[in-house]
Amino acid sequence: MRTWKIALLVTLLSCSASLYAAKKQKGTTVLKDFQPEGTTDKKQKNQIYDLVFVSEGNDYTCRTAYNKKINAADFIVGDNINYQVDGNKAQIKNSHGKELKCTVVRVEKDTGAAAK
């Protein structure tokens, strides 16, 4: 009985590890949007930003950390970026080599040009 439970546990762990590994994506795409999120105050001195980019048919919205200073002029909407998405963590690098880490807060199916 005990061996059966251990075998089941090992099988489940290996399956979940392979599913987690499948979520890793990287490539080059265009930065679709770059917007400030929230406001700054005495405790939170750095502006938080949301970045939107497309990867494998999905729009990813990625939010920067509150404790990192970001120069908004470094990330121009419409420029090419290199990205790496691993679960809910992402790394973005612009064409000039500036890099930032962010957290994926939304994933949406890319429907092409949305009607406005």
C-alpha atoms as a PDB file:
ATOM      1  CA  MET A   1       0.000   0.000   0.000  1.00  0.00           C
ATOM      2  CA  ARG A   2       2.767   2.385   0.934  1.00  0.00           C
ATOM      3  CA  THR A   3       4.688   1.721  -2.330  1.00  0.00           C
ATOM      4  CA  TRP A   4       1.571   2.470  -4.340  1.00  0.00           C
ATOM      5  CA  LYS A   5       1.177   5.872  -2.647  1.00  0.00           C
ATOM      6  CA  ILE A   6       4.830   6.735  -3.220  1.00  0.00           C
ATOM      7  CA  ALA A   7       4.592   5.738  -6.885  1.00  0.00           C
ATOM      8  CA  LEU A   8       1.481   7.884  -7.292  1.00  0.00           C
ATOM      9  CA  LEU A   9       3.188  10.844  -5.611  1.00  0.00           C
ATOM     10  CA  VAL A  10       6.257  10.550  -7.862  1.00  0.00           C
ATOM     11  CA  THR A  11       4.048  10.343 -10.957  1.00  0.00           C
ATOM     12  CA  LEU A  12       2.036  13.419  -9.958  1.00  0.00           C
ATOM     13  CA  LEU A  13       5.166  15.422  -9.180  1.00  0.00           C
ATOM     14  CA  SER A  14       6.776  14.567 -12.503  1.00  0.00           C
ATOM     15  CA  CYS A  15       3.593  15.485 -14.402  1.00  0.00           C
ATOM     16  CA  SER A  16       3.258  18.818 -12.609  1.00  0.00           C
ATOM     17  CA  ALA A  17       6.931  19.597 -13.222  1.00  0.00           C
ATOM     18  CA  SER A  18       6.522  18.998 -16.955  1.00  0.00           C
ATOM     19  CA  LEU A  19       3.409  21.211 -17.059  1.00  0.00           C
ATOM     20  CA  TYR A  20       5.255  23.988 -15.225  1.00  0.00           C
ATOM     21  CA  ALA A  21       8.210  23.735 -17.601  1.00  0.00           C
ATOM     22  CA  ALA A  22       5.872  24.074 -20.580  1.00  0.00           C
ATOM     23  CA  LYS A  23       4.831  27.570 -19.461  1.00  0.00           C
ATOM     24  CA  LYS A  24       8.288  29.033 -20.162  1.00  0.00           C
ATOM     25  CA  GLN A  25       8.259  31.236 -23.284  1.00  0.00           C
ATOM     26  CA  LYS A  26      10.753  33.607 -24.835  1.00  0.00           C
ATOM     27  CA  GLY A  27      11.118  35.545 -28.040  1.00  0.00           C
ATOM     28  CA  THR A  28      10.919  38.950 -29.676  1.00  0.00           C
ATOM     29  CA  THR A  29       7.755  41.003 -30.077  1.00  0.00           C
ATOM     30  CA  VAL A  30       6.497  44.589 -30.146  1.00  0.00           C
ATOM     31  CA  LEU A  31       5.634  46.521 -26.986  1.00  0.00           C
ATOM     32  CA  LYS A  32       1.903  47.260 -27.393  1.00  0.00           C
ATOM     33  CA  ASP A  33       1.339  49.523 -24.379  1.00  0.00           C
ATOM     34  CA  PHE A  34       3.222  51.075 -21.455  1.00  0.00           C
ATOM     35  CA  GLN A  35       1.076  52.832 -18.833  1.00  0.00           C
ATOM     36  CA  PRO A  36       1.630  54.103 -15.282  1.00  0.00           C
ATOM     37  CA  GLU A  37      -0.335  52.251 -12.614  1.00  0.00           C
ATOM     38  CA  GLY A  38      -1.413  53.930  -9.379  1.00  0.00           C
ATOM     39  CA  THR A  39       0.294  56.915  -7.809  1.00  0.00           C
ATOM     40  CA  THR A  40       3.377  57.605  -5.740  1.00  0.00           C
ATOM     41  CA  ASP A  41       3.463  58.795  -2.143  1.00  0.00           C
ATOM     42  CA  LYS A  42       5.912  59.085   0.756  1.00  0.00           C
ATOM     43  CA  LYS A  43       6.099  55.321   1.279  1.00  0.00           C
ATOM     44  CA  GLN A  44       5.951  54.313  -2.387  1.00  0.00           C
ATOM     45  CA  LYS A  45       8.353  56.675  -4.114  1.00  0.00           C
ATOM     46  CA  ASN A  46       8.691  54.801  -7.423  1.00  0.00           C
ATOM     47  CA  GLN A  47       6.043  54.726 -10.124  1.00  0.00           C
ATOM     48  CA  ILE A  48       4.638  51.299 -11.055  1.00  0.00           C
ATOM     49  CA  TYR A  49       4.100  50.576 -14.770  1.00  0.00           C
ATOM     50  CA  ASP A  50       2.024  48.078 -16.743  1.00  0.00           C
ATOM     51  CA  LEU A  51       3.518  46.752 -19.992  1.00  0.00           C
ATOM     52  CA  VAL A  52       1.457  44.920 -22.625  1.00  0.00           C
ATOM     53  CA  PHE A  53       3.009  42.616 -25.242  1.00  0.00           C
ATOM     54  CA  VAL A  54       1.910  39.653 -27.383  1.00  0.00           C
ATOM     55  CA  SER A  55       3.355  36.155 -27.037  1.00  0.00           C
ATOM     56  CA  GLU A  56       2.060  33.009 -28.730  1.00  0.00           C
ATOM     57  CA  GLY A  57      -1.378  34.485 -29.429  1.00  0.00           C
ATOM     58  CA  ASN A  58      -1.911  35.989 -25.970  1.00  0.00           C
ATOM     59  CA  ASP A  59      -1.707  39.573 -24.707  1.00  0.00           C
ATOM     60  CA  TYR A  60       0.361  39.672 -21.524  1.00  0.00           C
ATOM     61  CA  THR A  61       0.039  42.533 -19.039  1.00  0.00           C
ATOM     62  CA  CYS A  62       3.113  42.709 -16.874  1.00  0.00           C
ATOM     63  CA  ARG A  63       3.469  44.989 -13.802  1.00  0.00           C
ATOM     64  CA  THR A  64       6.779  46.357 -12.523  1.00  0.00           C
ATOM     65  CA  ALA A  65       7.721  46.188  -8.843  1.00  0.00           C
ATOM     66  CA  TYR A  66       7.056  49.158  -6.554  1.00  0.00           C
ATOM     67  CA  ASN A  67      10.627  49.099  -5.204  1.00  0.00           C
ATOM     68  CA  LYS A  68      12.366  49.477  -8.601  1.00  0.00           C
ATOM     69  CA  LYS A  69      12.914  52.799 -10.347  1.00  0.00           C
ATOM     70  CA  ILE A  70      12.016  52.642 -14.050  1.00  0.00           C
ATOM     71  CA  ASN A  71      12.669  55.339 -16.652  1.00  0.00           C
ATOM     72  CA  ALA A  72       9.529  55.364 -18.802  1.00  0.00           C
ATOM     73  CA  ALA A  73      11.436  56.878 -21.751  1.00  0.00           C
ATOM     74  CA  ASP A  74      13.488  53.653 -22.025  1.00  0.00           C
ATOM     75  CA  PHE A  75      10.456  51.644 -23.189  1.00  0.00           C
ATOM     76  CA  ILE A  76       8.859  53.097 -26.313  1.00  0.00           C
ATOM     77  CA  VAL A  77       5.499  51.699 -27.425  1.00  0.00           C
ATOM     78  CA  GLY A  78       5.902  50.093 -30.849  1.00  0.00           C
ATOM     79  CA  ASP A  79       9.585  49.177 -30.372  1.00  0.00           C
ATOM     80  CA  ASN A  80      10.813  45.600 -30.440  1.00  0.00           C
ATOM     81  CA  ILE A  81      11.446  43.928 -27.102  1.00  0.00           C
ATOM     82  CA  ASN A  82      12.886  40.594 -26.073  1.00  0.00           C
ATOM     83  CA  TYR A  83      10.802  38.814 -23.471  1.00  0.00           C
ATOM     84  CA  GLN A  84      10.973  35.734 -21.307  1.00  0.00           C
ATOM     85  CA  VAL A  85       7.877  34.525 -19.451  1.00  0.00           C
ATOM     86  CA  ASP A  86       8.144  31.826 -16.798  1.00  0.00           C
ATOM     87  CA  GLY A  87       4.815  31.254 -15.053  1.00  0.00           C
ATOM     88  CA  ASN A  88       3.823  34.635 -13.630  1.00  0.00           C
ATOM     89  CA  LYS A  89       7.327  36.158 -13.794  1.00  0.00           C
ATOM     90  CA  ALA A  90       8.666  37.949 -16.859  1.00  0.00           C
ATOM     91  CA  GLN A  91      11.812  39.692 -18.021  1.00  0.00           C
ATOM     92  CA  ILE A  92      11.660  42.396 -20.689  1.00  0.00           C
ATOM     93  CA  LYS A  93      14.676  43.793 -22.560  1.00  0.00           C
ATOM     94  CA  ASN A  94      14.397  46.700 -25.002  1.00  0.00           C
ATOM     95  CA  SER A  95      16.444  47.182 -28.173  1.00  0.00           C
ATOM     96  CA  HIS A  96      18.953  49.352 -26.277  1.00  0.00           C
ATOM     97  CA  GLY A  97      19.698  46.675 -23.668  1.00  0.00           C
ATOM     98  CA  LYS A  98      17.640  48.098 -20.789  1.00  0.00           C
ATOM     99  CA  GLU A  99      16.119  45.226 -18.839  1.00  0.00           C
ATOM    100  CA  LEU A 100      13.346  44.998 -16.277  1.00  0.00           C
ATOM    101  CA  LYS A 101      11.619  42.248 -14.337  1.00  0.00           C
ATOM    102  CA  CYS A 102       7.876  42.250 -13.832  1.00  0.00           C
ATOM    103  CA  THR A 103       4.953  40.126 -12.693  1.00  0.00           C
ATOM    104  CA  VAL A 104       2.317  38.927 -15.146  1.00  0.00           C
ATOM    105  CA  VAL A 105      -1.030  40.201 -13.824  1.00  0.00           C
ATOM    106  CA  ARG A 106      -3.248  39.429 -16.831  1.00  0.00           C
ATOM    107  CA  VAL A 107      -3.276  37.131 -19.869  1.00  0.00           C
ATOM    108  CA  GLU A 108      -5.851  37.670 -22.621  1.00  0.00           C
ATOM    109  CA  LYS A 109      -6.376  36.030 -26.006  1.00  0.00           C
ATOM    110  CA  ASP A 110      -5.028  38.330 -28.715  1.00  0.00           C
ATOM    111  CA  THR A 111      -7.925  39.155 -31.037  1.00  0.00           C
ATOM    112  CA  GLY A 112      -5.906  41.378 -33.356  1.00  0.00           C
ATOM    113  CA  ALA A 113      -6.953  45.006 -33.726  1.00  0.00           C
ATOM    114  CA  ALA A 114      -9.770  45.645 -31.248  1.00  0.00           C
ATOM    115  CA  ALA A 115     -12.640  47.902 -32.278  1.00  0.00           C
ATOM    116  CA  LYS A 116     -12.553  51.210 -30.466  1.00  0.00           C
END
